Each structure stands twice: as C-alpha cells, then as structure tokens.
Amino acid sequence: MKIALVGKGGSGKTTLSALLARHAAAAGAPVLAIDADINQHLAVALGLSDDEAALLPTLGDRLPDIKEYLRGDNPRIRSAGEMVKTTPPGRGSRLLRVVEDSPLHAALCRDAGGVRLMVTGPFGVESLGVACYHSKVGAVELLLNHLVDGPGEYVVVDMTAGADAFASGLFTRFDRTFVVCEPTRRSVGVYRQYADYARDYGVRLSVVGNKVEDDTDAQFLRDQVGADLIGLVGRSGYVRAAERGSIGPLSSLEPATAAVLDTMIAAVDASPRDWQSYTRWAVEFHLRNAAAWANDRTGVDLAAQVDPDFTLGPAALLDNPPAESAQLTALR
C-alpha cells in the first residue's frame, strides 16, 4: 500500500512519516520509505546521523540508470533518453516490489532504523536558479509507476510541503494520503487546498492533527476538518527527544501516539485497491505531460509508449518476470 504524508512546512509530516514507517516495520511488515521532500530530513528522523545521511545514494543522481533498468525489454521505449517521469510500464518493462534483492534496490536502498530507505537527494547548489526540484521528485513518480505492492506491504513517502505534489500526477500514485495538520488557519488552508485539488481524482484523504495542546485545539480541528480527521497527536516527550537526536525504542512511544499510528495503518489497509484506475491515471498524466512538454523535449511522440493491453498489478508480475542477473548492468 502506497502512503503519502503531506502538509504545511513545519507541520511534523517528516516526524510522522518516520514514526509510521518504523511502527509498521516493527510489526513485521515490509516497508520502503522514500524521502521526496526538498528538505531531506527523513533519514535522520529514522535514526541515521547527519554524516550517514549525507552519504546516502540519491535517486536524482541515478535517474538515467533507473530509467535504463525500468525500461527493460519494453519495445515501446527505444532508449532511456525517451523516458520521462510519467512513462508508464508496459509488457517488457521491469517491475518492482517493495522488498526484493534487485540491483536497483541494492544500489539505492539503505537500512535506516529497520526500514528500507530511498532518498531523492537535496537541492544542490548547481541547480539553484536553473532547475526545479520536480526533476528529482520525478524519479519517485517513475518508481511508483513501476511498483507492484501487495497487502501488508507499505511504501511511505514524505512529500514536499504545501501543494507541490499537484505539479505532476504524483498525487494520484497513493492508496491513502495523510495531511498532517496543525490547529492553525494556515495549516487547515493547506488541507483545504489538497481536498479541492484531489476531489476529482479519487484521492483518499485523511487528516492527522499534530501539535494539539488542549481541547480547544482539538475542537478547532474537528470543526475545520470534519470527518476527514482520524487522529490527534499531542505533546510527546518521545518525539521531543528524537528531534534532539535521541531516538529511543518504539516501546517508549506514548500509547496515545501509538494508537494514532495504528489508526493510520488501519485506514490504509481499508483502502480498496483498483489497479485499473491506478493504471488509467498513470496513462492520463503521461499523455498530458507528453503534449505539454515531453514530446518537444524528447523529440518523439511519447503517446506511443502507452501499452493499451497492459494493467499494472500482481498479474503483471507473471508477464514481466525479473531479468536474469547476467542482464542487469545499469545499476552496478
């Protein structure tokens, strides 16, 4: 199940992303966490030191290799250079699982607090004034387009702050999106923006109230958010210590906060899987991007990459088996 955590900057979505990923992993679930925020803090929130986090391999640096790996033997994609962030898989593409020992996982995943972690990479000095962060986040969209996850498997993505996710089709790639919302008008405003944008795309949206100090804060969120509110997180000595660099065992987490994490997992598990709809939206946004900019950039008609007889899902794994190890060279 694919999970996004979004919200206003400073709302606590990175902290909750790390807690949710660790909570699911501690229960024995396969978990892949992805840091897709322009401020790359998820690795540290999961327990790595600043020095360890700085040495992590990044999706942004390996994007050409990722494209070459994922295109596999798909006859509709002649080269990795013709792949863009929205390119959907088809027959012959290499598909991904949450936890596997593929060259891609070996090259780009690292263990952090018992969770497999991928990071997009920071916004480098060389990109200032000449590029946008969406070029890095595009690697996440490409990976999710090729990922087949099963029940009880979780992909937790810490997204960029605000409504930046709507700059691409990435917001349709999740089974459940959690808006982390403080009891403030600005934070509620971000939630309403998400709700307005997502309404026509079948996005399943829930709200987790964070930094709730008292009954007045709780009532404010109930009044402003309504039925989308599924949990409230108040003061936490565990979280405060973690933010200071002392990450204790999850058994030390306050029961009330742990209960909110359980509620979030239950909401995700209750989300119906619709692989046909998932594939349809991937194709829809690919065609939009092709017409808007990608055809001009690549010099080819990228609508031809769409395989009309392909639907992503468990059945596709049978038709797109992993390649033999001797064939895999791009990510070594």
C-alpha atoms as a PDB file:
ATOM      1  CA  MET A   1       0.000   0.000   0.000  1.00  0.00           C
ATOM      2  CA  LYS A   2       1.371   3.382  -1.026  1.00  0.00           C
ATOM      3  CA  ILE A   3       1.121   6.168   1.554  1.00  0.00           C
ATOM      4  CA  ALA A   4       1.858   9.885   1.201  1.00  0.00           C
ATOM      5  CA  LEU A   5       2.324  12.297   4.079  1.00  0.00           C
ATOM      6  CA  VAL A   6       1.816  15.936   3.173  1.00  0.00           C
ATOM      7  CA  GLY A   7       1.157  19.208   4.919  1.00  0.00           C
ATOM      8  CA  LYS A   8       2.322  22.718   5.593  1.00  0.00           C
ATOM      9  CA  GLY A   9       6.042  23.164   6.183  1.00  0.00           C
ATOM     10  CA  GLY A  10       6.811  22.545   9.849  1.00  0.00           C
ATOM     11  CA  SER A  11       3.604  20.607  10.492  1.00  0.00           C
ATOM     12  CA  GLY A  12       5.529  17.494  11.525  1.00  0.00           C
ATOM     13  CA  LYS A  13       4.984  15.293   8.473  1.00  0.00           C
ATOM     14  CA  THR A  14       8.593  14.059   8.418  1.00  0.00           C
ATOM     15  CA  THR A  15       8.402  13.047  12.073  1.00  0.00           C
ATOM     16  CA  LEU A  16       5.112  11.213  11.484  1.00  0.00           C
ATOM     17  CA  SER A  17       6.472   9.622   8.292  1.00  0.00           C
ATOM     18  CA  ALA A  18       9.383   8.172  10.259  1.00  0.00           C
ATOM     19  CA  LEU A  19       7.166   7.017  13.130  1.00  0.00           C
ATOM     20  CA  LEU A  20       4.657   5.393  10.772  1.00  0.00           C
ATOM     21  CA  ALA A  21       7.382   3.580   8.797  1.00  0.00           C
ATOM     22  CA  ARG A  22       9.099   2.316  11.955  1.00  0.00           C
ATOM     23  CA  HIS A  23       5.777   1.330  13.526  1.00  0.00           C
ATOM     24  CA  ALA A  24       4.794  -0.777  10.516  1.00  0.00           C
ATOM     25  CA  ALA A  25       8.260  -2.341  10.259  1.00  0.00           C
ATOM     26  CA  ALA A  26       8.275  -3.185  13.973  1.00  0.00           C
ATOM     27  CA  ALA A  27       5.056  -5.121  13.413  1.00  0.00           C
ATOM     28  CA  GLY A  28       6.854  -7.236  10.814  1.00  0.00           C
ATOM     29  CA  ALA A  29       5.570  -5.534   7.663  1.00  0.00           C
ATOM     30  CA  PRO A  30       7.845  -4.949   4.653  1.00  0.00           C
ATOM     31  CA  VAL A  31       8.371  -1.174   4.469  1.00  0.00           C
ATOM     32  CA  LEU A  32      10.019   1.090   1.926  1.00  0.00           C
ATOM     33  CA  ALA A  33      10.336   4.744   2.952  1.00  0.00           C
ATOM     34  CA  ILE A  34      11.096   7.457   0.390  1.00  0.00           C
ATOM     35  CA  ASP A  35      12.196  10.999   1.215  1.00  0.00           C
ATOM     36  CA  ALA A  36      10.718  13.175  -1.540  1.00  0.00           C
ATOM     37  CA  ASP A  37      10.893  16.451   0.379  1.00  0.00           C
ATOM     38  CA  ILE A  38      13.131  19.289  -0.766  1.00  0.00           C
ATOM     39  CA  ASN A  39      14.327  19.362   2.854  1.00  0.00           C
ATOM     40  CA  GLN A  40      15.903  15.933   3.249  1.00  0.00           C
ATOM     41  CA  HIS A  41      15.392  15.030   6.927  1.00  0.00           C
ATOM     42  CA  LEU A  42      13.708  11.614   6.843  1.00  0.00           C
ATOM     43  CA  ALA A  43      16.958   9.647   7.168  1.00  0.00           C
ATOM     44  CA  VAL A  44      17.868  11.476  10.376  1.00  0.00           C
ATOM     45  CA  ALA A  45      14.305  11.089  11.671  1.00  0.00           C
ATOM     46  CA  LEU A  46      14.704   7.339  11.127  1.00  0.00           C
ATOM     47  CA  GLY A  47      17.883   7.287  13.214  1.00  0.00           C
ATOM     48  CA  LEU A  48      20.831   7.934  10.905  1.00  0.00           C
ATOM     49  CA  SER A  49      23.435  10.518  11.819  1.00  0.00           C
ATOM     50  CA  ASP A  50      23.886  13.634   9.689  1.00  0.00           C
ATOM     51  CA  ASP A  51      27.117  12.177   8.290  1.00  0.00           C
ATOM     52  CA  GLU A  52      25.437   8.875   7.423  1.00  0.00           C
ATOM     53  CA  ALA A  53      22.540  10.686   5.773  1.00  0.00           C
ATOM     54  CA  ALA A  54      24.915  12.768   3.662  1.00  0.00           C
ATOM     55  CA  LEU A  55      26.448   9.594   2.205  1.00  0.00           C
ATOM     56  CA  LEU A  56      23.166   8.014   1.067  1.00  0.00           C
ATOM     57  CA  PRO A  57      22.844   7.289  -2.663  1.00  0.00           C
ATOM     58  CA  THR A  58      20.240   9.530  -4.280  1.00  0.00           C
ATOM     59  CA  LEU A  59      17.560   8.893  -6.868  1.00  0.00           C
ATOM     60  CA  GLY A  60      18.294  12.204  -8.568  1.00  0.00           C
ATOM     61  CA  ASP A  61      21.921  11.255  -9.238  1.00  0.00           C
ATOM     62  CA  ARG A  62      20.997   7.854 -10.688  1.00  0.00           C
ATOM     63  CA  LEU A  63      17.953   8.786 -12.754  1.00  0.00           C
ATOM     64  CA  PRO A  64      19.438   7.725 -16.143  1.00  0.00           C
ATOM     65  CA  ASP A  65      20.360   4.318 -14.677  1.00  0.00           C
ATOM     66  CA  ILE A  66      16.929   3.966 -13.098  1.00  0.00           C
ATOM     67  CA  LYS A  67      15.292   4.620 -16.460  1.00  0.00           C
ATOM     68  CA  GLU A  68      17.520   2.111 -18.223  1.00  0.00           C
ATOM     69  CA  TYR A  69      16.725  -0.533 -15.627  1.00  0.00           C
ATOM     70  CA  LEU A  70      12.964   0.021 -15.634  1.00  0.00           C
ATOM     71  CA  ARG A  71      12.525   0.081 -19.400  1.00  0.00           C
ATOM     72  CA  GLY A  72      13.832  -3.495 -19.588  1.00  0.00           C
ATOM     73  CA  ASP A  73      12.840  -5.042 -22.917  1.00  0.00           C
ATOM     74  CA  ASN A  74       9.767  -2.881 -23.473  1.00  0.00           C
ATOM     75  CA  PRO A  75       9.637  -2.500 -27.285  1.00  0.00           C
ATOM     76  CA  ARG A  76       7.678   0.754 -26.999  1.00  0.00           C
ATOM     77  CA  ILE A  77      10.617   2.512 -25.317  1.00  0.00           C
ATOM     78  CA  ARG A  78      13.624   2.643 -27.608  1.00  0.00           C
ATOM     79  CA  SER A  79      16.035   4.223 -25.139  1.00  0.00           C
ATOM     80  CA  ALA A  80      16.277   5.517 -21.593  1.00  0.00           C
ATOM     81  CA  GLY A  81      16.573   9.012 -23.069  1.00  0.00           C
ATOM     82  CA  GLU A  82      12.969   8.745 -24.247  1.00  0.00           C
ATOM     83  CA  MET A  83      11.680   8.007 -20.754  1.00  0.00           C
ATOM     84  CA  VAL A  84      10.248  10.812 -18.647  1.00  0.00           C
ATOM     85  CA  LYS A  85       8.914  10.916 -15.095  1.00  0.00           C
ATOM     86  CA  THR A  86       5.427   9.837 -16.195  1.00  0.00           C
ATOM     87  CA  THR A  87       6.410   6.993 -18.547  1.00  0.00           C
ATOM     88  CA  PRO A  88       4.104   4.081 -17.692  1.00  0.00           C
ATOM     89  CA  PRO A  89       5.234   0.467 -17.729  1.00  0.00           C
ATOM     90  CA  GLY A  90       4.181  -1.996 -20.396  1.00  0.00           C
ATOM     91  CA  ARG A  91       4.934  -5.520 -21.442  1.00  0.00           C
ATOM     92  CA  GLY A  92       8.680  -5.999 -21.180  1.00  0.00           C
ATOM     93  CA  SER A  93       9.206  -3.307 -18.528  1.00  0.00           C
ATOM     94  CA  ARG A  94      10.902  -4.283 -15.280  1.00  0.00           C
ATOM     95  CA  LEU A  95       8.509  -4.052 -12.374  1.00  0.00           C
ATOM     96  CA  LEU A  96       9.465  -3.510  -8.749  1.00  0.00           C
ATOM     97  CA  ARG A  97       8.386  -4.992  -5.424  1.00  0.00           C
ATOM     98  CA  VAL A  98       8.551  -3.275  -2.056  1.00  0.00           C
ATOM     99  CA  VAL A  99      11.281  -5.587  -0.791  1.00  0.00           C
ATOM    100  CA  GLU A 100      13.438  -7.534  -3.205  1.00  0.00           C
ATOM    101  CA  ASP A 101      17.113  -8.037  -3.963  1.00  0.00           C
ATOM    102  CA  SER A 102      17.181  -6.344  -7.361  1.00  0.00           C
ATOM    103  CA  PRO A 103      20.199  -4.301  -8.495  1.00  0.00           C
ATOM    104  CA  LEU A 104      18.033  -1.192  -8.162  1.00  0.00           C
ATOM    105  CA  HIS A 105      17.283  -1.906  -4.511  1.00  0.00           C
ATOM    106  CA  ALA A 106      20.920  -2.770  -3.822  1.00  0.00           C
ATOM    107  CA  ALA A 107      22.122   0.474  -5.384  1.00  0.00           C
ATOM    108  CA  LEU A 108      19.571   2.870  -3.944  1.00  0.00           C
ATOM    109  CA  CYS A 109      18.174   1.418  -0.679  1.00  0.00           C
ATOM    110  CA  ARG A 110      19.834   1.611   2.708  1.00  0.00           C
ATOM    111  CA  ASP A 111      18.644   0.416   6.109  1.00  0.00           C
ATOM    112  CA  ALA A 112      17.566   3.172   8.479  1.00  0.00           C
ATOM    113  CA  GLY A 113      16.016   2.186  11.789  1.00  0.00           C
ATOM    114  CA  GLY A 114      14.882  -1.162  10.406  1.00  0.00           C
ATOM    115  CA  VAL A 115      13.272   0.486   7.364  1.00  0.00           C
ATOM    116  CA  ARG A 116      14.460   0.340   3.772  1.00  0.00           C
ATOM    117  CA  LEU A 117      15.058   3.934   2.726  1.00  0.00           C
ATOM    118  CA  MET A 118      15.435   5.745  -0.596  1.00  0.00           C
ATOM    119  CA  VAL A 119      16.100   9.482  -0.878  1.00  0.00           C
ATOM    120  CA  THR A 120      15.679  11.835  -3.807  1.00  0.00           C
ATOM    121  CA  GLY A 121      18.671  13.900  -2.736  1.00  0.00           C
ATOM    122  CA  PRO A 122      18.966  17.558  -1.725  1.00  0.00           C
ATOM    123  CA  PHE A 123      18.555  20.559  -3.993  1.00  0.00           C
ATOM    124  CA  GLY A 124      22.183  21.097  -4.975  1.00  0.00           C
ATOM    125  CA  VAL A 125      23.968  24.411  -5.372  1.00  0.00           C
ATOM    126  CA  GLU A 126      24.474  23.645  -9.069  1.00  0.00           C
ATOM    127  CA  SER A 127      20.685  23.623  -9.561  1.00  0.00           C
ATOM    128  CA  LEU A 128      19.978  26.986  -7.946  1.00  0.00           C
ATOM    129  CA  GLY A 129      18.309  29.306 -10.424  1.00  0.00           C
ATOM    130  CA  VAL A 130      18.382  26.792 -13.280  1.00  0.00           C
ATOM    131  CA  ALA A 131      16.209  23.830 -12.259  1.00  0.00           C
ATOM    132  CA  CYS A 132      13.235  22.909 -10.102  1.00  0.00           C
ATOM    133  CA  TYR A 133      13.001  20.183  -7.501  1.00  0.00           C
ATOM    134  CA  HIS A 134      10.389  18.347  -9.536  1.00  0.00           C
ATOM    135  CA  SER A 135      13.197  16.862 -11.645  1.00  0.00           C
ATOM    136  CA  LYS A 136      14.241  14.874  -8.549  1.00  0.00           C
ATOM    137  CA  VAL A 137      10.718  14.069  -7.387  1.00  0.00           C
ATOM    138  CA  GLY A 138      10.079  12.768 -10.904  1.00  0.00           C
ATOM    139  CA  ALA A 139      12.238   9.758 -10.032  1.00  0.00           C
ATOM    140  CA  VAL A 140       9.735   8.877  -7.291  1.00  0.00           C
ATOM    141  CA  GLU A 141       6.821   9.069  -9.723  1.00  0.00           C
ATOM    142  CA  LEU A 142       8.670   6.824 -12.169  1.00  0.00           C
ATOM    143  CA  LEU A 143       9.413   4.259  -9.456  1.00  0.00           C
ATOM    144  CA  LEU A 144       5.834   4.230  -8.166  1.00  0.00           C
ATOM    145  CA  ASN A 145       4.553   3.804 -11.722  1.00  0.00           C
ATOM    146  CA  HIS A 146       6.539   0.544 -11.893  1.00  0.00           C
ATOM    147  CA  LEU A 147       5.909  -0.696  -8.339  1.00  0.00           C
ATOM    148  CA  VAL A 148       3.598  -3.607  -7.530  1.00  0.00           C
ATOM    149  CA  ASP A 149       2.911  -3.663  -3.798  1.00  0.00           C
ATOM    150  CA  GLY A 150       0.756  -6.183  -2.034  1.00  0.00           C
ATOM    151  CA  PRO A 151      -1.480  -6.178   1.058  1.00  0.00           C
ATOM    152  CA  GLY A 152       0.522  -5.709   4.245  1.00  0.00           C
ATOM    153  CA  GLU A 153       3.399  -4.060   2.359  1.00  0.00           C
ATOM    154  CA  TYR A 154       3.898  -0.331   2.799  1.00  0.00           C
ATOM    155  CA  VAL A 155       5.569   2.449   0.855  1.00  0.00           C
ATOM    156  CA  VAL A 156       5.741   5.598   2.991  1.00  0.00           C
ATOM    157  CA  VAL A 157       6.602   8.780   1.082  1.00  0.00           C
ATOM    158  CA  ASP A 158       7.474  12.018   2.869  1.00  0.00           C
ATOM    159  CA  MET A 159       6.299  14.565   0.309  1.00  0.00           C
ATOM    160  CA  THR A 160       7.234  18.173  -0.349  1.00  0.00           C
ATOM    161  CA  ALA A 161       5.464  20.780   1.768  1.00  0.00           C
ATOM    162  CA  GLY A 162       2.341  22.558   0.622  1.00  0.00           C
ATOM    163  CA  ALA A 163       0.610  21.604  -2.616  1.00  0.00           C
ATOM    164  CA  ASP A 164       3.719  20.979  -4.736  1.00  0.00           C
ATOM    165  CA  ALA A 165       2.679  17.355  -5.293  1.00  0.00           C
ATOM    166  CA  PHE A 166      -0.014  18.630  -7.656  1.00  0.00           C
ATOM    167  CA  ALA A 167       2.629  19.864 -10.115  1.00  0.00           C
ATOM    168  CA  SER A 168       2.622  16.313 -11.510  1.00  0.00           C
ATOM    169  CA  GLY A 169       0.485  13.188 -11.450  1.00  0.00           C
ATOM    170  CA  LEU A 170       2.341  12.006  -8.341  1.00  0.00           C
ATOM    171  CA  PHE A 171      -0.633  12.820  -6.111  1.00  0.00           C
ATOM    172  CA  THR A 172      -2.631  10.018  -7.780  1.00  0.00           C
ATOM    173  CA  ARG A 173       0.018   7.372  -7.028  1.00  0.00           C
ATOM    174  CA  PHE A 174      -1.085   6.643  -3.455  1.00  0.00           C
ATOM    175  CA  ASP A 175      -3.684   4.444  -1.790  1.00  0.00           C
ATOM    176  CA  ARG A 176      -4.038   6.887   1.100  1.00  0.00           C
ATOM    177  CA  THR A 177      -2.787  10.448   1.587  1.00  0.00           C
ATOM    178  CA  PHE A 178      -2.438  11.817   5.107  1.00  0.00           C
ATOM    179  CA  VAL A 179      -2.455  15.577   5.587  1.00  0.00           C
ATOM    180  CA  VAL A 180      -0.597  16.429   8.779  1.00  0.00           C
ATOM    181  CA  CYS A 181      -2.440  19.454  10.093  1.00  0.00           C
ATOM    182  CA  GLU A 182      -1.657  21.807  12.961  1.00  0.00           C
ATOM    183  CA  PRO A 183      -4.542  23.607  14.698  1.00  0.00           C
ATOM    184  CA  THR A 184      -3.943  26.807  12.741  1.00  0.00           C
ATOM    185  CA  ARG A 185      -5.724  28.554   9.866  1.00  0.00           C
ATOM    186  CA  ARG A 186      -2.678  28.284   7.610  1.00  0.00           C
ATOM    187  CA  SER A 187      -2.329  24.567   8.144  1.00  0.00           C
ATOM    188  CA  VAL A 188      -6.051  23.997   7.627  1.00  0.00           C
ATOM    189  CA  GLY A 189      -5.758  26.070   4.451  1.00  0.00           C
ATOM    190  CA  VAL A 190      -3.228  23.585   3.046  1.00  0.00           C
ATOM    191  CA  TYR A 191      -5.621  20.737   3.835  1.00  0.00           C
ATOM    192  CA  ARG A 192      -8.456  22.511   2.017  1.00  0.00           C
ATOM    193  CA  GLN A 193      -6.229  23.096  -0.983  1.00  0.00           C
ATOM    194  CA  TYR A 194      -5.405  19.386  -1.116  1.00  0.00           C
ATOM    195  CA  ALA A 195      -9.040  18.441  -0.711  1.00  0.00           C
ATOM    196  CA  ASP A 196     -10.111  20.766  -3.526  1.00  0.00           C
ATOM    197  CA  TYR A 197      -7.453  19.533  -5.942  1.00  0.00           C
ATOM    198  CA  ALA A 198      -7.895  15.865  -5.108  1.00  0.00           C
ATOM    199  CA  ARG A 199     -11.683  15.732  -5.241  1.00  0.00           C
ATOM    200  CA  ASP A 200     -11.954  14.836  -8.938  1.00  0.00           C
ATOM    201  CA  TYR A 201      -9.201  12.219  -8.918  1.00  0.00           C
ATOM    202  CA  GLY A 202     -10.409   9.692  -6.381  1.00  0.00           C
ATOM    203  CA  VAL A 203      -7.655  10.571  -3.892  1.00  0.00           C
ATOM    204  CA  ARG A 204      -8.389   9.075  -0.465  1.00  0.00           C
ATOM    205  CA  LEU A 205      -7.572  11.800   2.020  1.00  0.00           C
ATOM    206  CA  SER A 206      -7.299  11.662   5.798  1.00  0.00           C
ATOM    207  CA  VAL A 207      -6.104  14.239   8.312  1.00  0.00           C
ATOM    208  CA  VAL A 208      -3.897  13.704  11.339  1.00  0.00           C
ATOM    209  CA  GLY A 209      -3.924  16.610  13.758  1.00  0.00           C
ATOM    210  CA  ASN A 210      -0.492  17.352  15.178  1.00  0.00           C
ATOM    211  CA  LYS A 211       0.851  19.615  17.932  1.00  0.00           C
ATOM    212  CA  VAL A 212      -2.530  19.543  19.646  1.00  0.00           C
ATOM    213  CA  GLU A 213      -2.108  21.176  23.040  1.00  0.00           C
ATOM    214  CA  ASP A 214      -5.598  21.117  24.546  1.00  0.00           C
ATOM    215  CA  ASP A 215      -9.307  20.591  23.954  1.00  0.00           C
ATOM    216  CA  THR A 216      -9.567  23.948  22.197  1.00  0.00           C
ATOM    217  CA  ASP A 217      -7.016  22.830  19.576  1.00  0.00           C
ATOM    218  CA  ALA A 218      -8.800  19.528  19.154  1.00  0.00           C
ATOM    219  CA  GLN A 219     -12.199  21.173  18.703  1.00  0.00           C
ATOM    220  CA  PHE A 220     -10.770  23.654  16.193  1.00  0.00           C
ATOM    221  CA  LEU A 221      -9.570  20.803  14.003  1.00  0.00           C
ATOM    222  CA  ARG A 222     -12.833  18.896  14.347  1.00  0.00           C
ATOM    223  CA  ASP A 223     -14.763  21.998  13.276  1.00  0.00           C
ATOM    224  CA  GLN A 224     -12.481  22.804  10.349  1.00  0.00           C
ATOM    225  CA  VAL A 225     -11.731  19.319   9.005  1.00  0.00           C
ATOM    226  CA  GLY A 226     -14.781  17.271   9.903  1.00  0.00           C
ATOM    227  CA  ALA A 227     -14.946  13.576   9.068  1.00  0.00           C
ATOM    228  CA  ASP A 228     -11.513  13.534   7.394  1.00  0.00           C
ATOM    229  CA  LEU A 229      -9.884  13.888  10.840  1.00  0.00           C
ATOM    230  CA  ILE A 230      -8.844  10.421  12.051  1.00  0.00           C
ATOM    231  CA  GLY A 231      -6.422  11.156  14.887  1.00  0.00           C
ATOM    232  CA  LEU A 232      -4.845  13.754  17.145  1.00  0.00           C
ATOM    233  CA  VAL A 233      -1.217  13.839  18.272  1.00  0.00           C
ATOM    234  CA  GLY A 234      -0.404  15.952  21.297  1.00  0.00           C
ATOM    235  CA  ARG A 235       2.736  16.642  23.281  1.00  0.00           C
ATOM    236  CA  SER A 236       5.228  13.789  23.093  1.00  0.00           C
ATOM    237  CA  GLY A 237       8.368  13.513  25.151  1.00  0.00           C
ATOM    238  CA  TYR A 238       9.456  10.699  22.843  1.00  0.00           C
ATOM    239  CA  VAL A 239       9.174  12.932  19.757  1.00  0.00           C
ATOM    240  CA  ARG A 240      10.882  15.836  21.521  1.00  0.00           C
ATOM    241  CA  ALA A 241      13.834  13.622  22.462  1.00  0.00           C
ATOM    242  CA  ALA A 242      14.008  12.248  18.905  1.00  0.00           C
ATOM    243  CA  GLU A 243      14.119  15.767  17.475  1.00  0.00           C
ATOM    244  CA  ARG A 244      17.134  16.375  19.704  1.00  0.00           C
ATOM    245  CA  GLY A 245      18.880  13.295  18.317  1.00  0.00           C
ATOM    246  CA  SER A 246      17.908  10.697  20.908  1.00  0.00           C
ATOM    247  CA  ILE A 247      15.668   8.175  19.172  1.00  0.00           C
ATOM    248  CA  GLY A 248      14.507   5.571  21.633  1.00  0.00           C
ATOM    249  CA  PRO A 249      12.822   2.220  21.080  1.00  0.00           C
ATOM    250  CA  LEU A 250       9.238   2.398  19.871  1.00  0.00           C
ATOM    251  CA  SER A 251       8.158   0.706  23.089  1.00  0.00           C
ATOM    252  CA  SER A 252       8.855   4.069  24.748  1.00  0.00           C
ATOM    253  CA  LEU A 253       6.387   5.910  22.495  1.00  0.00           C
ATOM    254  CA  GLU A 254       3.356   7.258  24.326  1.00  0.00           C
ATOM    255  CA  PRO A 255       0.338   4.922  23.948  1.00  0.00           C
ATOM    256  CA  ALA A 256      -1.856   7.714  22.596  1.00  0.00           C
ATOM    257  CA  THR A 257       0.568   8.406  19.742  1.00  0.00           C
ATOM    258  CA  ALA A 258       0.994   4.705  19.024  1.00  0.00           C
ATOM    259  CA  ALA A 259      -2.800   4.416  18.825  1.00  0.00           C
ATOM    260  CA  VAL A 260      -2.884   7.128  16.155  1.00  0.00           C
ATOM    261  CA  LEU A 261      -0.304   5.191  14.133  1.00  0.00           C
ATOM    262  CA  ASP A 262      -2.483   2.077  14.443  1.00  0.00           C
ATOM    263  CA  THR A 263      -5.449   4.077  13.174  1.00  0.00           C
ATOM    264  CA  MET A 264      -3.432   5.318  10.205  1.00  0.00           C
ATOM    265  CA  ILE A 265      -2.384   1.786   9.270  1.00  0.00           C
ATOM    266  CA  ALA A 266      -5.979   0.596   9.601  1.00  0.00           C
ATOM    267  CA  ALA A 267      -7.145   3.387   7.273  1.00  0.00           C
ATOM    268  CA  VAL A 268      -4.529   2.379   4.727  1.00  0.00           C
ATOM    269  CA  ASP A 269      -5.437  -1.305   4.961  1.00  0.00           C
ATOM    270  CA  ALA A 270      -9.103  -0.446   4.434  1.00  0.00           C
ATOM    271  CA  SER A 271      -8.364   1.434   1.214  1.00  0.00           C
ATOM    272  CA  PRO A 272      -9.567  -0.603  -1.781  1.00  0.00           C
ATOM    273  CA  ARG A 273      -7.039  -1.480  -4.461  1.00  0.00           C
ATOM    274  CA  ASP A 274      -8.055  -0.571  -8.007  1.00  0.00           C
ATOM    275  CA  TRP A 275      -5.171  -1.372 -10.341  1.00  0.00           C
ATOM    276  CA  GLN A 276      -7.173  -0.472 -13.443  1.00  0.00           C
ATOM    277  CA  SER A 277      -7.871   3.018 -12.100  1.00  0.00           C
ATOM    278  CA  TYR A 278      -4.259   3.345 -10.974  1.00  0.00           C
ATOM    279  CA  THR A 279      -3.048   2.474 -14.469  1.00  0.00           C
ATOM    280  CA  ARG A 280      -5.613   4.734 -16.101  1.00  0.00           C
ATOM    281  CA  TRP A 281      -4.471   7.794 -14.143  1.00  0.00           C
ATOM    282  CA  ALA A 282      -0.824   6.996 -14.870  1.00  0.00           C
ATOM    283  CA  VAL A 283      -1.602   6.939 -18.599  1.00  0.00           C
ATOM    284  CA  GLU A 284      -3.748  10.072 -18.361  1.00  0.00           C
ATOM    285  CA  PHE A 285      -0.993  12.148 -16.766  1.00  0.00           C
ATOM    286  CA  HIS A 286       1.616  10.717 -19.093  1.00  0.00           C
ATOM    287  CA  LEU A 287      -0.388  11.865 -22.102  1.00  0.00           C
ATOM    288  CA  ARG A 288      -0.904  15.292 -20.526  1.00  0.00           C
ATOM    289  CA  ASN A 289       2.804  15.715 -19.889  1.00  0.00           C
ATOM    290  CA  ALA A 290       3.686  14.408 -23.341  1.00  0.00           C
ATOM    291  CA  ALA A 291       1.500  17.026 -25.004  1.00  0.00           C
ATOM    292  CA  ALA A 292       2.548  19.849 -22.661  1.00  0.00           C
ATOM    293  CA  TRP A 293       6.342  19.494 -22.802  1.00  0.00           C
ATOM    294  CA  ALA A 294       7.779  15.990 -23.028  1.00  0.00           C
ATOM    295  CA  ASN A 295       7.240  15.410 -26.752  1.00  0.00           C
ATOM    296  CA  ASP A 296       9.168  18.593 -27.529  1.00  0.00           C
ATOM    297  CA  ARG A 297      11.938  17.739 -25.086  1.00  0.00           C
ATOM    298  CA  THR A 298      12.485  14.180 -26.318  1.00  0.00           C
ATOM    299  CA  GLY A 299      11.698  14.766 -29.986  1.00  0.00           C
ATOM    300  CA  VAL A 300       9.319  11.788 -30.149  1.00  0.00           C
ATOM    301  CA  ASP A 301       5.607  11.172 -29.679  1.00  0.00           C
ATOM    302  CA  LEU A 302       5.526   9.705 -26.176  1.00  0.00           C
ATOM    303  CA  ALA A 303       1.907   8.664 -26.530  1.00  0.00           C
ATOM    304  CA  ALA A 304       3.339   5.653 -28.367  1.00  0.00           C
ATOM    305  CA  GLN A 305       4.835   4.449 -25.064  1.00  0.00           C
ATOM    306  CA  VAL A 306       1.372   3.550 -23.754  1.00  0.00           C
ATOM    307  CA  ASP A 307       0.675  -0.172 -23.932  1.00  0.00           C
ATOM    308  CA  PRO A 308      -3.142  -0.370 -24.222  1.00  0.00           C
ATOM    309  CA  ASP A 309      -3.187  -4.032 -23.213  1.00  0.00           C
ATOM    310  CA  PHE A 310      -1.180  -3.574 -20.003  1.00  0.00           C
ATOM    311  CA  THR A 311      -2.557  -3.098 -16.487  1.00  0.00           C
ATOM    312  CA  LEU A 312      -0.192  -2.736 -13.548  1.00  0.00           C
ATOM    313  CA  GLY A 313      -0.853  -5.158 -10.707  1.00  0.00           C
ATOM    314  CA  PRO A 314       0.073  -8.587  -9.351  1.00  0.00           C
ATOM    315  CA  ALA A 315      -0.928 -10.323 -12.593  1.00  0.00           C
ATOM    316  CA  ALA A 316       1.582  -8.196 -14.486  1.00  0.00           C
ATOM    317  CA  LEU A 317       4.409  -9.735 -12.453  1.00  0.00           C
ATOM    318  CA  LEU A 318       3.720 -13.052 -14.171  1.00  0.00           C
ATOM    319  CA  ASP A 319       4.025 -11.478 -17.622  1.00  0.00           C
ATOM    320  CA  ASN A 320       7.011  -9.294 -16.729  1.00  0.00           C
ATOM    321  CA  PRO A 321       9.377 -11.596 -14.820  1.00  0.00           C
ATOM    322  CA  PRO A 322      12.678 -10.237 -13.477  1.00  0.00           C
ATOM    323  CA  ALA A 323      15.550 -10.436 -15.934  1.00  0.00           C
ATOM    324  CA  GLU A 324      18.443 -12.837 -15.353  1.00  0.00           C
ATOM    325  CA  SER A 325      21.201 -11.358 -13.213  1.00  0.00           C
ATOM    326  CA  ALA A 326      23.607 -11.502 -16.153  1.00  0.00           C
ATOM    327  CA  GLN A 327      21.419  -8.997 -17.983  1.00  0.00           C
ATOM    328  CA  LEU A 328      21.453  -6.423 -15.184  1.00  0.00           C
ATOM    329  CA  THR A 329      24.298  -3.970 -15.507  1.00  0.00           C
ATOM    330  CA  ALA A 330      22.944  -0.427 -15.309  1.00  0.00           C
ATOM    331  CA  LEU A 331      22.888  -0.071 -11.529  1.00  0.00           C
ATOM    332  CA  ARG A 332      26.005  -1.982 -10.541  1.00  0.00           C
END
